[in-house]
Amino acid sequence: MTRLHDLKIYLKANFWLVPVLLLIGVLFVLALDPAPPTRLSLATGPEGGGYQAFGRQLKARLAEEGIELELIATAGSPDNLRRLLTADGKVQIALVQSGTEQQLTEEERRRLRGLGALYQEPLWLFQRRDLDIRELNELRGKRIGIGQDGSGTQAVVLSLIAASGIAREPGWLALGGRQASAALGDGSLDAAFFVGPPGNPLIQALALDPALRLADLRRAAAYQAHFPFLKALSLPEGVLDLASNSPDRPLTLLSPMATLVANRSLHPALTPLLLESARRILQQGSLLDPPNSFPRPEPSSFPLTKEADSYYRTGLPYLQRFLPFRIASLVDRYIVLLIPALAILLPLGKLVSPLYEWRMRARTYRWYRHLHEIDARIHDGSIRGHEAEEIARLQEMEKALGRVELPLSFSHELYTLHLHVRYMIERLRGLAREDKTSARMQR
């Protein structure tokens, strides 16, 4: 019973800690970053394109970490950028062909951030076998597929022909992908541009078509000098298909990069996870990209996010190397605030014991003020004639002290106060008797 009594007193005395801890808890929650979402949207590109193929692989990887990736088919890179810039927040990341950002204003560019380059996706110019196009000005007077409206293919082709001083002709049609492939097959087009990795099924099918051949762009290095987002790429003989020796000679192509771009709605904690998932997908390399060469920070059409830059310099955050993403993210969010929380709680914990002790002693010490006042009045003689009044007050004090709650460890102070009150009562009674004796003697 004594222990329960002491515990009750201790809890009541330190009840002030409850609102303090609640306030600290509220501030802790407010300062904590929101948890990463479990759902993410990626703008890819046209159905059946290379971006969709990569998106499906990325979706499978993220599903292993409990993140659901929604793939949104679009018209191409320009459409992807527009979706990133809309205020509805439906798309957080997008696959974008390097160079497409030239269509954006400076203010629009500032609203987007790069996560890095993923792989090379050459600009392929397939032509009829009887043609030998090696310069862009040789496209004049021919029926050319320059890519669908709103596609990254058309964006890069129009940039190249504009820089070459060539005006768009009526025979240059907004056809790309499977439509352009079919038009080449039935003779409706003389040549057509395509953008995609060499492993893309459409590129492979075109490379195996005996009626077609790839164009060798002789001035690729010059175009690279004028367009930093393009790279002059040497294509070895037979690299697309050894059996049919496609291409049948070494070629020089121009290659944009497939890049990953994000807007401000992407949760920062998801960036390392996205890049690590991309690294695992791309680690085997391709016909053109050596193993473990992607993703990489350059070339990037937009400034890298802080998290992407950190990933390329030091790799995954430490906890994500050993723990599942959801657990590592949770621990990481709390550990950031652990030091300031300890900086508050440790001094607070050290304050509890002395403050409790002071409050317990205060329950007895405050009564001594009245005893000191009586003692002072005894010494200066002003107490004479008022002894009975003060004795009555001290007796009331004795009753009040009986209701004072103190733990067992402080009981000696309460009993000492009782003794001092009794001592002062006896002292006043002695003074009262002296007064009565003195009055009788005077009579």
Protein backbone atom coordinates (compact mmCIF):
# COMPACT_ATOMS: atom_id res chain seq x y z
CA MET A 1 0.00 0.00 0.00
CA THR A 2 2.85 2.38 0.86
CA ARG A 3 4.42 1.91 -2.57
CA LEU A 4 1.12 2.52 -4.33
CA HIS A 5 0.63 5.64 -2.23
CA ASP A 6 4.10 6.93 -3.13
CA LEU A 7 3.54 6.14 -6.81
CA LYS A 8 0.26 8.03 -6.79
CA ILE A 9 1.97 11.08 -5.27
CA TYR A 10 4.83 10.82 -7.80
CA LEU A 11 2.46 10.67 -10.76
CA LYS A 12 0.38 13.59 -9.53
CA ALA A 13 3.48 15.69 -8.89
CA ASN A 14 4.85 15.04 -12.40
CA PHE A 15 1.56 15.33 -14.28
CA TRP A 16 2.91 18.52 -15.85
CA LEU A 17 5.06 16.26 -18.04
CA VAL A 18 1.97 15.02 -19.90
CA PRO A 19 1.19 18.28 -21.81
CA VAL A 20 4.93 18.88 -22.35
CA LEU A 21 5.43 15.44 -23.90
CA LEU A 22 2.25 15.84 -25.95
CA LEU A 23 3.54 19.15 -27.30
CA ILE A 24 6.91 17.56 -28.16
CA GLY A 25 5.06 14.68 -29.86
CA VAL A 26 2.95 17.07 -31.94
CA LEU A 27 6.02 19.05 -33.01
CA PHE A 28 7.79 15.77 -33.84
CA VAL A 29 4.93 14.64 -36.09
CA LEU A 30 4.68 18.05 -37.78
CA ALA A 31 8.42 18.08 -38.47
CA LEU A 32 8.37 14.52 -39.84
CA ASP A 33 8.36 14.13 -43.61
CA PRO A 34 5.23 12.43 -44.95
CA ALA A 35 5.62 8.75 -45.68
CA PRO A 36 6.50 7.89 -49.29
CA PRO A 37 3.40 6.97 -51.31
CA THR A 38 2.84 3.38 -52.34
CA ARG A 39 1.53 4.38 -55.75
CA LEU A 40 3.43 6.15 -58.52
CA SER A 41 2.63 7.10 -62.13
CA LEU A 42 5.07 6.90 -65.04
CA ALA A 43 4.35 8.49 -68.43
CA THR A 44 5.88 6.17 -71.02
CA GLY A 45 5.07 6.55 -74.70
CA PRO A 46 3.11 4.96 -77.53
CA GLU A 47 1.84 1.40 -77.14
CA GLY A 48 4.48 -1.15 -78.10
CA GLY A 49 7.36 1.35 -77.89
CA GLY A 50 10.68 1.00 -76.10
CA TYR A 51 9.58 3.23 -73.24
CA GLN A 52 6.64 0.97 -72.49
CA ALA A 53 8.90 -2.08 -72.48
CA PHE A 54 11.23 -0.42 -69.97
CA GLY A 55 8.23 0.78 -67.93
CA ARG A 56 6.94 -2.78 -67.56
CA GLN A 57 10.31 -3.95 -66.24
CA LEU A 58 10.46 -1.03 -63.82
CA LYS A 59 6.93 -1.79 -62.64
CA ALA A 60 7.90 -5.38 -61.82
CA ARG A 61 10.96 -4.25 -59.87
CA LEU A 62 9.08 -1.67 -57.82
CA ALA A 63 6.33 -4.18 -57.03
CA GLU A 64 8.97 -6.20 -55.15
CA GLU A 65 9.38 -3.20 -52.81
CA GLY A 66 5.66 -2.67 -52.33
CA ILE A 67 5.37 0.26 -54.78
CA GLU A 68 2.65 0.12 -57.41
CA LEU A 69 3.72 1.79 -60.66
CA GLU A 70 0.97 2.88 -63.04
CA LEU A 71 2.09 3.07 -66.67
CA ILE A 72 0.42 5.83 -68.69
CA ALA A 73 0.63 5.48 -72.46
CA THR A 74 1.22 8.80 -74.23
CA ALA A 75 1.95 10.23 -77.68
CA GLY A 76 5.66 10.54 -76.85
CA SER A 77 8.25 12.66 -75.04
CA PRO A 78 6.66 16.11 -75.63
CA ASP A 79 3.37 14.74 -74.33
CA ASN A 80 5.20 13.30 -71.32
CA LEU A 81 6.67 16.70 -70.50
CA ARG A 82 3.24 18.35 -70.74
CA ARG A 83 1.81 15.77 -68.34
CA LEU A 84 4.63 16.42 -65.87
CA LEU A 85 3.89 20.14 -66.00
CA THR A 86 0.13 19.85 -65.40
CA ALA A 87 -1.09 20.76 -61.94
CA ASP A 88 -3.29 17.70 -61.42
CA GLY A 89 -0.39 15.64 -60.04
CA LYS A 90 -1.43 12.49 -61.91
CA VAL A 91 2.09 11.92 -63.26
CA GLN A 92 5.21 12.16 -61.10
CA ILE A 93 7.88 10.72 -63.43
CA ALA A 94 8.26 10.29 -67.17
CA LEU A 95 10.60 8.80 -69.73
CA VAL A 96 11.80 11.64 -71.94
CA GLN A 97 14.03 11.65 -74.99
CA SER A 98 16.94 14.04 -74.53
CA GLY A 99 16.55 17.23 -76.55
CA THR A 100 12.77 17.30 -76.28
CA GLU A 101 13.07 19.89 -73.49
CA GLN A 102 14.08 22.51 -76.06
CA GLN A 103 10.39 23.05 -76.71
CA LEU A 104 9.87 24.23 -73.10
CA THR A 105 10.12 27.75 -71.75
CA GLU A 106 12.73 28.60 -69.14
CA GLU A 107 10.08 28.76 -66.43
CA GLU A 108 8.78 25.30 -67.39
CA ARG A 109 12.28 23.85 -67.27
CA ARG A 110 12.77 25.15 -63.73
CA ARG A 111 9.74 23.15 -62.59
CA LEU A 112 11.28 19.83 -63.63
CA ARG A 113 14.26 17.83 -62.38
CA GLY A 114 16.32 15.08 -63.93
CA LEU A 115 16.99 11.68 -62.40
CA GLY A 116 19.55 10.63 -65.00
CA ALA A 117 20.12 8.99 -68.37
CA LEU A 118 18.95 5.38 -68.83
CA TYR A 119 20.19 4.19 -72.20
CA GLN A 120 21.06 5.23 -75.72
CA GLU A 121 18.21 5.16 -78.22
CA PRO A 122 19.63 5.86 -81.69
CA LEU A 123 17.87 7.79 -84.41
CA TRP A 124 17.45 5.17 -87.13
CA LEU A 125 16.80 6.18 -90.75
CA PHE A 126 15.57 3.12 -92.66
CA GLN A 127 15.36 3.53 -96.44
CA ARG A 128 14.53 1.46 -99.48
CA ARG A 129 17.36 -0.84 -100.55
CA ASP A 130 17.85 1.08 -103.83
CA LEU A 131 18.50 4.39 -102.03
CA ASP A 132 21.71 5.56 -100.40
CA ILE A 133 20.81 8.59 -98.26
CA ARG A 134 23.85 9.89 -96.36
CA GLU A 135 22.96 13.59 -96.01
CA LEU A 136 19.74 15.14 -94.71
CA ASN A 137 19.50 17.37 -97.77
CA GLU A 138 19.14 14.19 -99.82
CA LEU A 139 15.67 13.80 -98.26
CA ARG A 140 14.33 16.49 -100.59
CA GLY A 141 11.74 15.21 -103.04
CA LYS A 142 11.28 11.93 -101.20
CA ARG A 143 8.43 10.54 -99.17
CA ILE A 144 9.69 10.49 -95.58
CA GLY A 145 8.12 9.44 -92.28
CA ILE A 146 9.38 11.97 -89.72
CA GLY A 147 7.60 10.57 -86.65
CA GLN A 148 4.14 11.08 -85.21
CA ASP A 149 3.01 14.53 -84.15
CA GLY A 150 3.97 15.07 -80.51
CA SER A 151 6.63 12.37 -80.58
CA GLY A 152 10.27 12.70 -79.57
CA THR A 153 11.25 11.30 -82.97
CA GLN A 154 9.59 14.17 -84.82
CA ALA A 155 11.04 16.71 -82.37
CA VAL A 156 14.64 15.65 -83.01
CA VAL A 157 14.14 15.26 -86.79
CA LEU A 158 12.63 18.74 -87.14
CA SER A 159 15.51 20.20 -85.11
CA LEU A 160 18.07 18.56 -87.39
CA ILE A 161 16.45 19.60 -90.69
CA ALA A 162 15.90 23.15 -89.40
CA ALA A 163 19.59 23.41 -88.46
CA SER A 164 20.48 22.10 -91.93
CA GLY A 165 18.48 24.89 -93.56
CA ILE A 166 15.95 22.50 -95.08
CA ALA A 167 12.25 23.39 -95.27
CA ARG A 168 9.69 20.72 -94.47
CA GLU A 169 8.14 19.30 -97.63
CA PRO A 170 4.59 18.03 -98.28
CA GLY A 171 5.91 14.50 -98.78
CA TRP A 172 7.30 14.39 -95.25
CA LEU A 173 4.51 12.76 -93.31
CA ALA A 174 3.79 12.62 -89.59
CA LEU A 175 4.14 8.86 -89.45
CA GLY A 176 6.12 6.83 -86.96
CA GLY A 177 6.23 3.49 -85.22
CA ARG A 178 4.16 0.69 -86.75
CA GLN A 179 2.41 3.05 -89.17
CA ALA A 180 5.71 4.15 -90.68
CA SER A 181 6.92 0.55 -90.76
CA ALA A 182 3.80 -0.53 -92.65
CA ALA A 183 4.15 2.39 -95.07
CA LEU A 184 7.75 1.38 -95.81
CA GLY A 185 6.58 -2.15 -96.40
CA ASP A 186 3.88 -1.23 -98.92
CA GLY A 187 6.01 1.36 -100.70
CA SER A 188 4.09 4.43 -99.45
CA LEU A 189 7.33 5.84 -97.98
CA ASP A 190 10.85 5.96 -99.33
CA ALA A 191 12.41 6.28 -95.85
CA ALA A 192 11.36 6.79 -92.27
CA PHE A 193 12.93 7.88 -88.98
CA PHE A 194 12.61 5.81 -85.82
CA VAL A 195 14.01 6.29 -82.30
CA GLY A 196 14.52 3.34 -80.00
CA PRO A 197 17.05 0.93 -78.51
CA PRO A 198 18.52 -1.72 -80.81
CA GLY A 199 16.67 -4.48 -78.98
CA ASN A 200 13.28 -2.96 -79.76
CA PRO A 201 11.20 -5.54 -81.71
CA LEU A 202 10.19 -2.98 -84.32
CA ILE A 203 13.82 -1.97 -84.97
CA GLN A 204 14.81 -5.63 -85.15
CA ALA A 205 12.02 -6.37 -87.65
CA LEU A 206 13.03 -3.45 -89.88
CA ALA A 207 16.69 -4.50 -89.71
CA LEU A 208 15.77 -8.00 -90.97
CA ASP A 209 13.66 -6.71 -93.86
CA PRO A 210 15.69 -7.42 -97.04
CA ALA A 211 13.93 -4.57 -98.87
CA LEU A 212 15.31 -1.98 -96.43
CA ARG A 213 18.69 -0.71 -95.39
CA LEU A 214 19.96 1.71 -92.75
CA ALA A 215 21.22 5.13 -93.73
CA ASP A 216 24.76 6.16 -92.79
CA LEU A 217 24.73 9.80 -91.61
CA ARG A 218 28.08 11.13 -92.75
CA ARG A 219 27.94 14.40 -90.78
CA ALA A 220 26.89 12.85 -87.44
CA ALA A 221 29.88 14.35 -85.60
CA ALA A 222 28.95 17.84 -86.82
CA TYR A 223 25.39 17.43 -85.61
CA GLN A 224 26.70 16.27 -82.23
CA ALA A 225 28.75 19.45 -81.95
CA HIS A 226 25.64 21.57 -82.52
CA PHE A 227 23.27 19.45 -80.42
CA PRO A 228 24.83 18.37 -77.08
CA PHE A 229 21.88 16.08 -76.36
CA LEU A 230 22.89 13.92 -79.36
CA LYS A 231 25.85 11.59 -79.61
CA ALA A 232 27.57 10.37 -82.78
CA LEU A 233 27.38 6.59 -82.52
CA SER A 234 29.40 4.03 -84.47
CA LEU A 235 27.36 0.97 -85.36
CA PRO A 236 29.49 -2.11 -86.18
CA GLU A 237 28.68 -4.28 -89.16
CA GLY A 238 26.26 -7.09 -88.30
CA VAL A 239 25.54 -5.86 -84.75
CA LEU A 240 21.74 -5.95 -85.15
CA ASP A 241 21.68 -9.46 -86.61
CA LEU A 242 24.72 -11.62 -87.25
CA ALA A 243 22.90 -14.20 -89.38
CA SER A 244 21.72 -11.68 -91.95
CA ASN A 245 24.70 -9.36 -91.37
CA SER A 246 22.52 -6.36 -90.54
CA PRO A 247 23.72 -3.72 -91.07
CA ASP A 248 25.88 -4.89 -93.96
CA ARG A 249 28.52 -2.21 -93.32
CA PRO A 250 29.73 -0.05 -90.40
CA LEU A 251 27.47 2.97 -89.93
CA THR A 252 27.45 6.23 -88.04
CA LEU A 253 24.20 7.24 -86.36
CA LEU A 254 23.00 9.96 -84.06
CA SER A 255 21.71 8.90 -80.68
CA PRO A 256 19.60 10.78 -78.17
CA MET A 257 19.33 9.43 -74.61
CA ALA A 258 16.32 8.02 -72.83
CA THR A 259 16.16 10.01 -69.59
CA LEU A 260 14.06 9.85 -66.46
CA VAL A 261 12.47 13.19 -65.49
CA ALA A 262 10.42 14.08 -62.42
CA ASN A 263 8.30 16.97 -61.19
CA ARG A 264 8.07 18.35 -57.67
CA SER A 265 5.36 15.90 -56.61
CA LEU A 266 7.81 12.97 -56.58
CA HIS A 267 8.59 12.02 -52.97
CA PRO A 268 12.39 12.41 -52.42
CA ALA A 269 12.70 9.00 -50.74
CA LEU A 270 11.56 7.27 -53.94
CA THR A 271 14.42 8.63 -56.07
CA PRO A 272 17.14 6.20 -54.87
CA LEU A 273 14.67 3.30 -55.17
CA LEU A 274 13.82 4.27 -58.77
CA LEU A 275 17.47 4.59 -59.78
CA GLU A 276 18.50 1.35 -58.07
CA SER A 277 15.64 -0.48 -59.80
CA ALA A 278 16.73 1.01 -63.14
CA ARG A 279 20.33 -0.03 -62.45
CA ARG A 280 19.28 -3.65 -61.91
CA ILE A 281 17.23 -3.64 -65.10
CA LEU A 282 20.08 -2.17 -67.16
CA GLN A 283 23.06 -3.85 -65.50
CA GLN A 284 23.47 -6.43 -68.28
CA GLY A 285 23.85 -3.68 -70.88
CA SER A 286 22.70 -3.94 -74.48
CA LEU A 287 24.09 -4.20 -77.99
CA LEU A 288 25.26 -0.59 -77.68
CA ASP A 289 25.57 0.02 -73.93
CA PRO A 290 28.31 -1.77 -71.93
CA PRO A 291 27.20 -3.58 -68.74
CA ASN A 292 26.76 -1.41 -65.62
CA SER A 293 27.07 1.84 -67.58
CA PHE A 294 23.54 3.10 -66.84
CA PRO A 295 21.82 4.89 -65.23
CA ARG A 296 24.24 7.77 -65.06
CA PRO A 297 23.96 11.47 -64.28
CA GLU A 298 25.07 12.76 -67.68
CA PRO A 299 23.82 13.83 -70.06
CA SER A 300 20.82 15.22 -68.24
CA SER A 301 18.47 17.73 -69.80
CA PHE A 302 17.45 19.06 -66.36
CA PRO A 303 19.32 19.70 -63.09
CA LEU A 304 19.56 16.55 -60.99
CA THR A 305 17.58 16.30 -57.78
CA LYS A 306 19.61 16.33 -54.56
CA GLU A 307 18.72 12.69 -53.96
CA ALA A 308 19.75 11.63 -57.49
CA ASP A 309 23.08 13.42 -57.17
CA SER A 310 23.68 11.67 -53.83
CA TYR A 311 22.83 8.29 -55.38
CA TYR A 312 25.39 8.72 -58.17
CA ARG A 313 28.08 9.81 -55.70
CA THR A 314 27.54 7.36 -52.82
CA GLY A 315 24.96 4.79 -53.95
CA LEU A 316 21.85 3.78 -52.03
CA PRO A 317 21.14 5.37 -48.65
CA TYR A 318 22.83 3.25 -45.96
CA LEU A 319 19.70 1.70 -44.48
CA GLN A 320 18.27 0.73 -47.87
CA ARG A 321 21.34 -1.43 -48.49
CA PHE A 322 20.27 -3.82 -45.72
CA LEU A 323 16.56 -3.28 -45.10
CA PRO A 324 13.45 -3.40 -47.28
CA PHE A 325 12.54 0.01 -48.66
CA ARG A 326 9.41 0.53 -46.52
CA ILE A 327 11.25 -0.26 -43.28
CA ALA A 328 14.38 1.68 -44.23
CA SER A 329 12.29 4.70 -45.20
CA LEU A 330 10.39 4.62 -41.91
CA VAL A 331 13.57 4.36 -39.83
CA ASP A 332 15.28 7.04 -41.89
CA ARG A 333 12.41 9.47 -41.39
CA TYR A 334 12.49 9.01 -37.61
CA ILE A 335 16.25 8.92 -37.18
CA VAL A 336 16.58 12.38 -38.71
CA LEU A 337 14.61 13.80 -35.79
CA LEU A 338 16.10 11.52 -33.14
CA ILE A 339 19.02 13.82 -32.26
CA PRO A 340 16.90 16.98 -31.72
CA ALA A 341 14.38 14.87 -29.78
CA LEU A 342 17.13 13.53 -27.52
CA ALA A 343 18.50 17.06 -27.13
CA ILE A 344 15.13 17.99 -25.59
CA LEU A 345 14.26 14.81 -23.70
CA LEU A 346 17.62 14.19 -21.99
CA PRO A 347 17.77 17.57 -20.17
CA LEU A 348 14.07 17.21 -19.44
CA GLY A 349 14.69 13.78 -17.89
CA LYS A 350 17.48 15.18 -15.73
CA LEU A 351 15.17 17.96 -14.57
CA VAL A 352 12.38 15.65 -13.39
CA SER A 353 14.11 14.29 -10.26
CA PRO A 354 15.34 17.59 -8.74
CA LEU A 355 12.07 19.30 -9.64
CA TYR A 356 10.09 16.50 -7.96
CA GLU A 357 12.27 16.72 -4.88
CA TRP A 358 11.85 20.50 -4.73
CA ARG A 359 8.04 20.20 -5.03
CA MET A 360 7.87 17.61 -2.23
CA ARG A 361 10.01 19.75 0.08
CA ALA A 362 7.95 22.82 -0.83
CA ARG A 363 4.91 21.12 0.73
CA THR A 364 6.55 21.47 4.13
CA TYR A 365 8.86 24.45 3.65
CA ARG A 366 6.06 26.89 2.83
CA TRP A 367 4.66 26.45 6.36
CA TYR A 368 7.88 27.72 7.95
CA ARG A 369 7.19 31.27 6.80
CA HIS A 370 4.46 31.61 9.42
CA LEU A 371 6.72 30.12 12.12
CA HIS A 372 9.44 32.64 11.22
CA GLU A 373 6.92 35.50 11.51
CA ILE A 374 5.84 34.33 14.97
CA ASP A 375 9.45 33.98 16.06
CA ALA A 376 10.23 37.53 14.91
CA ARG A 377 7.21 38.91 16.81
CA ILE A 378 8.31 37.10 19.96
CA HIS A 379 11.71 38.73 19.76
CA ASP A 380 10.39 42.27 19.19
CA GLY A 381 7.62 41.83 21.77
CA SER A 382 4.72 42.58 19.41
CA ILE A 383 3.24 39.13 20.11
CA ARG A 384 2.27 40.14 23.68
CA GLY A 385 -1.48 39.91 24.17
CA HIS A 386 -1.96 37.92 20.92
CA GLU A 387 -0.63 34.55 22.08
CA ALA A 388 -4.03 32.84 22.17
CA GLU A 389 -4.84 34.01 18.65
CA GLU A 390 -1.56 32.66 17.25
CA ILE A 391 -1.93 29.39 19.20
CA ALA A 392 -5.33 28.87 17.53
CA ARG A 393 -3.78 29.49 14.10
CA LEU A 394 -0.98 27.03 14.80
CA GLN A 395 -3.47 24.40 15.91
CA GLU A 396 -5.31 24.84 12.61
CA MET A 397 -1.94 24.45 10.91
CA GLU A 398 -1.46 21.12 12.71
CA LYS A 399 -4.78 19.91 11.35
CA ALA A 400 -3.85 21.04 7.82
CA LEU A 401 -0.51 19.24 8.05
CA GLY A 402 -2.40 16.03 8.70
CA ARG A 403 -3.83 16.31 5.17
CA VAL A 404 -0.46 16.91 3.45
CA GLU A 405 0.49 14.01 1.15
CA LEU A 406 4.16 13.12 1.06
CA PRO A 407 5.95 9.94 -0.01
CA LEU A 408 7.55 7.86 2.71
CA SER A 409 11.04 9.15 1.89
CA PHE A 410 9.97 12.73 2.81
CA SER A 411 7.99 11.84 5.95
CA HIS A 412 10.78 12.91 8.30
CA GLU A 413 10.44 16.48 7.06
CA LEU A 414 6.71 16.46 7.76
CA TYR A 415 7.23 15.09 11.28
CA THR A 416 10.00 17.65 11.91
CA LEU A 417 7.54 20.39 10.94
CA HIS A 418 4.98 18.93 13.36
CA LEU A 419 7.59 19.13 16.14
CA HIS A 420 8.43 22.73 15.26
CA VAL A 421 4.75 23.74 15.26
CA ARG A 422 4.24 22.03 18.65
CA TYR A 423 7.38 23.73 19.95
CA MET A 424 6.05 27.15 18.87
CA ILE A 425 2.65 26.42 20.49
CA GLU A 426 4.32 25.53 23.80
CA ARG A 427 6.49 28.58 23.56
CA LEU A 428 3.46 30.83 23.06
CA ARG A 429 1.65 29.16 25.96
CA GLY A 430 4.67 29.89 28.15
CA LEU A 431 4.53 33.54 27.12
CA ALA A 432 0.81 33.62 27.86
CA ARG A 433 1.40 32.21 31.38
CA GLU A 434 4.11 34.82 31.97
CA ASP A 435 1.66 37.56 30.95
CA LYS A 436 -0.97 36.27 33.39
CA THR A 437 1.57 36.03 36.22
CA SER A 438 2.83 39.54 35.54
CA ALA A 439 -0.74 40.87 35.53
CA ARG A 440 -1.54 39.24 38.94
CA MET A 441 1.62 40.65 40.48
CA GLN A 442 0.75 44.14 39.28
CA ARG A 443 -2.65 43.90 40.99
